[in-house]
Each structure stands twice: as C-alpha cells, then as structure tokens.
Amino acid sequence: MTTTLITGASSGLGAETARQLAARGHDLALCARRLDRLEVLREEILARHPDRRVAVRALDVTDDEAVFAVVRAFRDELGTLDRVVVNAGLGKGAPLGTGRYDVNRETAVTNFVAGLAQVEAAMEVFRDQGSGHLVVVSSMSALRGLPRTMTTYAATKAGIAHLAEGLRLELLDSPIDVTVLYPGYIASEMNDRSDGRGSGPLMASTRRGVASMVRAMEARRASAYVPGLPWAPLSVVMRHAPLRVLRRMV
C-alpha cells in the first residue's frame, strides 16, 4: 500500500488521479485551495473504497510557508508519504509585450516557483525517510518554445521538468525515484478555460488520459508522454520540427 500526496486535487486531472489511485489501493493526501471540493471528493472515494485513508487540507501552493507546513502535516498524520504528485498549475497566458504581464507572472509563479516549493517540501520528507517517489506533471508544451498565449506556460513547464530531471541525475541509484509526465491534450477544467486550446480529435477523455498517467507513475518511469498515442511519436516531431513547421502545428 502506498500513500500518495496530490496537489491541485480538487478538480480535473488531480481529482481523477486520486480516484484511480484509490481504486488501486492507495491511501491519499489531497490538497488544493477549494477545501469544500476536496471534502466532496473524499466522501466519494470513501463511499467506493471504505478501507482507504483520505486526508484533505486546504493549500494555496503560492504560499511557500503553507506548502512546507501542509506537506509536513500530512506526513505526521499518515505516518509516511511514499509519493508526491506535483500537479497544481495554471494555464493562463498572454502574448509577451501586450500589457498582460500580470497574467504571465501569475502562471510563472504558480507553475514554476510554487512547483519548486512543492518539490523542496517533498524532497525534505523523502530525504528524511530515505525513500520516496516524486512525480512532476509537466506538459507536451515543455518540449519547445511556443508562441502567443502559450509562451510563458510552455517555459514554466520546461522549467519544472528540468528541475525534476536534475534531481533524477543527482539521485541515480538511490531509493528516491523521479518521474516527469508530459500530458498532451486531456479534458480538464484547465482546457475548458484556455480559449479552446486543445479541442478536437487529439483530446483524450479525463479518465483515459489519467489512466495513462497513473500507469506511468506505478511503473516509476523516468518520463512518459501521455497518453502514449499519439503523444509519444508526436514528441519526436515536436522536438525536431523546423520552426516554420512547428508554427503550423501550434
């Protein structure tokens, strides 16, 4: 049995990850800003899996002190944290130089600076325990610099992926594993609020997309493009396509 902490767990990919891990026998530590939605999710999970332990706490991941306090409190409450999934994030963005620095800064702080705080807090626990599994949810957008509303978002997702990859290099042959997930278009509230970005035949259902994420977590893969089809082959195209080709793709 594994105890998994998930940030940004009140909706979308985080909530579905909690459901699927509970079905696989995991105890859960769930945090997000919206405590009321976490409590509803907890009751849903316990109704289906009454033997699970599900702890919930409110957390704004941009509050550094709160991030460390909540992660430590979960570990004290549950006895151990075997896995931490750094999932909380924003998809907002505006073309650079168009007067919306505030929007881009909010995304940069939430996705990278707050992501750094979550990784630091998780690693503090894992180093103390001598074991653990860090999972960072990046994005296919991290593979290349992208234009317009995606520029800042893609940069933050590349940054958090490199942070995790640097840790993996440091921790080779240790009992602490690091996984980076690169989701493609998966139905979620974030996509609903992103001006239609990602709609169409490449969009996977939340359940299918998260099932691919969970399989990669459980296998402790170093990195995974999820769902594997079509995103694993498309990752090669995205990494190597000339800019004029890439521009037509995005």
Protein backbone atom coordinates (compact mmCIF):
# COMPACT_ATOMS: atom_id res chain seq x y z
CA MET A 1 0.00 0.00 0.00
CA THR A 2 1.30 3.44 -0.98
CA THR A 3 0.43 6.83 0.47
CA THR A 4 0.26 9.45 -2.27
CA LEU A 5 0.03 13.22 -1.86
CA ILE A 6 -1.54 15.11 -4.79
CA THR A 7 -1.56 18.89 -5.07
CA GLY A 8 -4.27 20.63 -7.05
CA ALA A 9 -6.52 17.65 -6.31
CA SER A 10 -9.91 19.37 -6.14
CA SER A 11 -10.74 19.00 -9.85
CA GLY A 12 -9.56 17.87 -13.27
CA LEU A 13 -6.50 15.65 -13.58
CA GLY A 14 -5.70 15.82 -9.87
CA ALA A 15 -9.14 14.63 -8.76
CA GLU A 16 -9.24 11.82 -11.32
CA THR A 17 -5.73 10.74 -10.33
CA ALA A 18 -6.97 10.46 -6.74
CA ARG A 19 -9.93 8.31 -7.82
CA GLN A 20 -7.80 5.96 -9.88
CA LEU A 21 -5.06 5.58 -7.27
CA ALA A 22 -7.66 4.87 -4.58
CA ALA A 23 -9.07 2.11 -6.80
CA ARG A 24 -5.55 0.65 -6.94
CA GLY A 25 -5.28 0.56 -3.15
CA HIS A 26 -3.52 3.81 -2.34
CA ASP A 27 -4.09 5.97 0.71
CA LEU A 28 -4.31 9.65 -0.22
CA ALA A 29 -3.30 13.10 0.98
CA LEU A 30 -5.20 15.66 -1.10
CA CYS A 31 -4.71 19.42 -1.10
CA ALA A 32 -5.98 22.38 -3.09
CA ARG A 33 -7.40 25.83 -2.49
CA ARG A 34 -11.02 24.62 -2.54
CA LEU A 35 -11.42 22.58 0.63
CA ASP A 36 -15.15 22.09 0.06
CA ARG A 37 -14.49 20.25 -3.21
CA LEU A 38 -11.79 18.13 -1.58
CA GLU A 39 -14.25 17.08 1.10
CA VAL A 40 -16.79 16.05 -1.54
CA LEU A 41 -14.08 14.07 -3.34
CA ARG A 42 -13.05 12.38 -0.10
CA GLU A 43 -16.63 11.28 0.58
CA GLU A 44 -16.93 9.96 -2.98
CA ILE A 45 -13.73 7.93 -2.67
CA LEU A 46 -14.58 6.56 0.78
CA ALA A 47 -18.03 5.51 -0.40
CA ARG A 48 -16.38 3.36 -3.07
CA HIS A 49 -13.31 2.31 -1.06
CA PRO A 50 -14.12 2.42 2.67
CA ASP A 51 -10.76 0.88 3.62
CA ARG A 52 -8.79 3.80 2.16
CA ARG A 53 -7.40 6.63 4.27
CA VAL A 54 -8.04 10.01 2.66
CA ALA A 55 -6.69 13.15 4.35
CA VAL A 56 -7.53 16.60 2.95
CA ARG A 57 -6.16 20.07 3.62
CA ALA A 58 -6.60 23.48 2.05
CA LEU A 59 -3.48 24.79 0.30
CA ASP A 60 -2.61 27.70 -1.93
CA VAL A 61 0.64 26.47 -3.47
CA THR A 62 1.87 30.05 -3.97
CA ASP A 63 2.09 30.37 -0.16
CA ASP A 64 5.59 28.97 0.42
CA GLU A 65 5.28 28.54 4.19
CA ALA A 66 1.94 26.81 3.82
CA VAL A 67 3.37 24.34 1.29
CA PHE A 68 6.01 23.12 3.74
CA ALA A 69 3.57 23.12 6.67
CA VAL A 70 0.92 21.11 4.82
CA VAL A 71 3.36 18.51 3.46
CA ARG A 72 4.85 18.00 6.94
CA ALA A 73 1.37 17.79 8.49
CA PHE A 74 0.28 15.13 6.01
CA ARG A 75 3.40 13.08 6.75
CA ASP A 76 2.75 13.36 10.50
CA GLU A 77 -0.92 12.43 10.08
CA LEU A 78 -0.41 9.48 7.76
CA GLY A 79 2.95 8.28 9.04
CA THR A 80 4.67 8.36 5.65
CA LEU A 81 4.45 9.89 2.21
CA ASP A 82 5.55 7.38 -0.37
CA ARG A 83 4.74 9.51 -3.40
CA VAL A 84 4.15 13.23 -4.01
CA VAL A 85 2.49 14.35 -7.25
CA VAL A 86 3.26 17.98 -8.10
CA ASN A 87 0.13 18.65 -10.13
CA ALA A 88 -1.20 22.11 -9.23
CA GLY A 89 -0.84 24.60 -12.06
CA LEU A 90 -2.32 27.34 -14.23
CA GLY A 91 -2.86 27.53 -17.97
CA LYS A 92 -3.27 31.30 -18.29
CA GLY A 93 -1.17 33.32 -20.69
CA ALA A 94 -0.93 36.34 -22.98
CA PRO A 95 1.44 37.23 -25.83
CA LEU A 96 4.52 38.92 -24.41
CA GLY A 97 4.52 42.69 -24.60
CA THR A 98 0.75 43.08 -24.85
CA GLY A 99 0.21 44.59 -21.41
CA ARG A 100 -0.70 41.42 -19.52
CA TYR A 101 2.45 40.82 -17.54
CA ASP A 102 0.18 40.20 -14.55
CA VAL A 103 -1.31 37.11 -16.20
CA ASN A 104 2.05 35.71 -17.30
CA ARG A 105 3.59 36.38 -13.90
CA GLU A 106 0.75 34.53 -12.16
CA THR A 107 1.34 31.50 -14.36
CA ALA A 108 5.12 31.67 -13.86
CA VAL A 109 4.80 31.88 -10.07
CA THR A 110 2.21 29.10 -9.82
CA ASN A 111 3.77 26.66 -12.26
CA PHE A 112 7.46 27.13 -11.51
CA VAL A 113 8.13 28.98 -8.24
CA ALA A 114 5.31 27.19 -6.41
CA GLY A 115 6.36 23.97 -8.14
CA LEU A 116 9.85 24.45 -6.73
CA ALA A 117 8.39 24.85 -3.23
CA GLN A 118 6.40 21.63 -3.62
CA VAL A 119 9.48 19.74 -4.83
CA GLU A 120 11.56 21.12 -1.95
CA ALA A 121 8.92 20.09 0.60
CA ALA A 122 8.57 16.62 -0.89
CA MET A 123 12.32 16.08 -1.02
CA GLU A 124 12.66 17.16 2.59
CA VAL A 125 10.35 14.28 3.55
CA PHE A 126 11.95 11.77 1.16
CA ARG A 127 15.47 12.54 2.30
CA ASP A 128 14.37 12.12 5.92
CA GLN A 129 12.63 8.82 5.13
CA GLY A 130 15.39 7.59 2.85
CA SER A 131 12.87 6.74 0.12
CA GLY A 132 10.06 8.17 -1.97
CA HIS A 133 8.71 8.83 -5.43
CA LEU A 134 8.46 12.36 -6.82
CA VAL A 135 6.09 12.82 -9.76
CA VAL A 136 6.08 16.16 -11.62
CA VAL A 137 3.27 16.91 -14.06
CA SER A 138 4.81 18.90 -16.90
CA SER A 139 3.25 19.18 -20.38
CA MET A 140 3.91 18.38 -24.02
CA SER A 141 4.23 22.16 -24.28
CA ALA A 142 7.56 21.84 -22.46
CA LEU A 143 9.25 20.27 -25.48
CA ARG A 144 9.65 23.54 -27.43
CA GLY A 145 9.20 27.25 -27.01
CA LEU A 146 5.67 28.08 -28.14
CA PRO A 147 4.06 31.31 -29.38
CA ARG A 148 1.35 33.73 -28.25
CA THR A 149 -0.67 32.74 -25.17
CA MET A 150 1.43 29.58 -24.72
CA THR A 151 4.86 31.22 -24.43
CA THR A 152 5.05 31.63 -20.66
CA TYR A 153 3.14 28.43 -19.91
CA ALA A 154 5.48 26.33 -22.07
CA ALA A 155 8.53 27.92 -20.44
CA THR A 156 7.28 27.14 -16.93
CA LYS A 157 6.55 23.54 -17.83
CA ALA A 158 10.03 23.17 -19.33
CA GLY A 159 11.49 24.66 -16.17
CA ILE A 160 9.73 22.28 -13.77
CA ALA A 161 10.65 19.31 -15.98
CA HIS A 162 14.33 20.29 -15.92
CA LEU A 163 14.16 20.72 -12.15
CA ALA A 164 12.93 17.14 -11.82
CA GLU A 165 15.44 15.80 -14.33
CA GLY A 166 18.27 17.45 -12.43
CA LEU A 167 17.09 15.71 -9.27
CA ARG A 168 16.94 12.39 -11.10
CA LEU A 169 20.56 12.78 -12.13
CA GLU A 170 21.53 13.56 -8.54
CA LEU A 171 19.56 10.61 -7.17
CA LEU A 172 20.62 7.88 -9.60
CA ASP A 173 20.96 4.54 -7.77
CA SER A 174 19.19 5.95 -4.69
CA PRO A 175 15.86 4.74 -3.21
CA ILE A 176 14.21 8.01 -4.35
CA ASP A 177 12.67 7.88 -7.83
CA VAL A 178 11.69 10.84 -10.02
CA THR A 179 9.06 10.73 -12.77
CA VAL A 180 8.19 13.53 -15.21
CA LEU A 181 4.84 13.26 -17.00
CA TYR A 182 4.24 15.13 -20.25
CA PRO A 183 0.47 15.14 -20.81
CA GLY A 184 -0.92 16.06 -24.19
CA TYR A 185 -4.48 17.28 -24.59
CA ILE A 186 -6.55 15.74 -21.79
CA ALA A 187 -10.02 17.03 -20.98
CA SER A 188 -9.94 19.11 -17.78
CA GLU A 189 -11.16 22.36 -16.30
CA MET A 190 -7.86 23.97 -17.36
CA ASN A 191 -8.58 23.20 -21.01
CA ASP A 192 -12.15 24.46 -20.59
CA ARG A 193 -10.71 27.85 -19.61
CA SER A 194 -7.98 28.03 -22.26
CA ASP A 195 -9.81 29.62 -25.20
CA GLY A 196 -10.49 26.27 -26.86
CA ARG A 197 -6.84 25.23 -26.93
CA GLY A 198 -6.51 21.50 -27.49
CA SER A 199 -10.05 20.79 -28.63
CA GLY A 200 -10.59 18.27 -31.42
CA PRO A 201 -9.54 14.69 -32.24
CA LEU A 202 -6.33 14.78 -30.17
CA MET A 203 -8.25 15.46 -26.93
CA ALA A 204 -8.36 12.41 -24.64
CA SER A 205 -11.06 11.94 -22.04
CA THR A 206 -10.07 12.71 -18.46
CA ARG A 207 -10.37 9.05 -17.49
CA ARG A 208 -8.27 7.74 -20.39
CA GLY A 209 -5.63 10.43 -20.05
CA VAL A 210 -5.25 9.97 -16.31
CA ALA A 211 -5.17 6.17 -16.66
CA SER A 212 -2.08 6.62 -18.83
CA MET A 213 -0.56 8.95 -16.24
CA VAL A 214 -1.25 6.51 -13.41
CA ARG A 215 0.28 3.57 -15.30
CA ALA A 216 3.46 5.60 -15.80
CA MET A 217 3.53 6.52 -12.10
CA GLU A 218 3.02 2.95 -10.96
CA ALA A 219 5.79 1.77 -13.28
CA ARG A 220 8.02 4.54 -11.86
CA ARG A 221 9.02 5.52 -15.36
CA ALA A 222 11.62 8.28 -15.63
CA SER A 223 9.45 10.15 -18.12
CA ALA A 224 6.31 9.49 -20.13
CA TYR A 225 4.33 11.22 -22.87
CA VAL A 226 0.69 10.58 -22.01
CA PRO A 227 -1.46 9.17 -23.46
CA GLY A 228 1.27 7.29 -25.34
CA LEU A 229 -0.69 7.50 -28.57
CA PRO A 230 -0.43 9.92 -30.25
CA TRP A 231 1.92 11.85 -27.96
CA ALA A 232 4.99 9.59 -27.83
CA PRO A 233 5.53 9.72 -31.62
CA LEU A 234 4.46 13.37 -31.75
CA SER A 235 7.13 14.19 -29.16
CA VAL A 236 9.80 13.36 -31.74
CA VAL A 237 8.17 15.66 -34.27
CA MET A 238 7.77 18.46 -31.74
CA ARG A 239 11.40 18.28 -30.62
CA HIS A 240 12.91 18.29 -34.11
CA ALA A 241 10.47 20.07 -36.44
CA PRO A 242 11.82 23.27 -38.05
CA LEU A 243 10.22 26.40 -36.64
CA ARG A 244 8.08 27.04 -39.71
CA VAL A 245 6.67 23.51 -39.46
CA LEU A 246 6.16 23.84 -35.72
CA ARG A 247 4.30 27.12 -36.24
CA ARG A 248 1.74 25.35 -38.41
CA MET A 249 1.30 22.64 -35.80
CA VAL A 250 0.50 25.02 -32.96
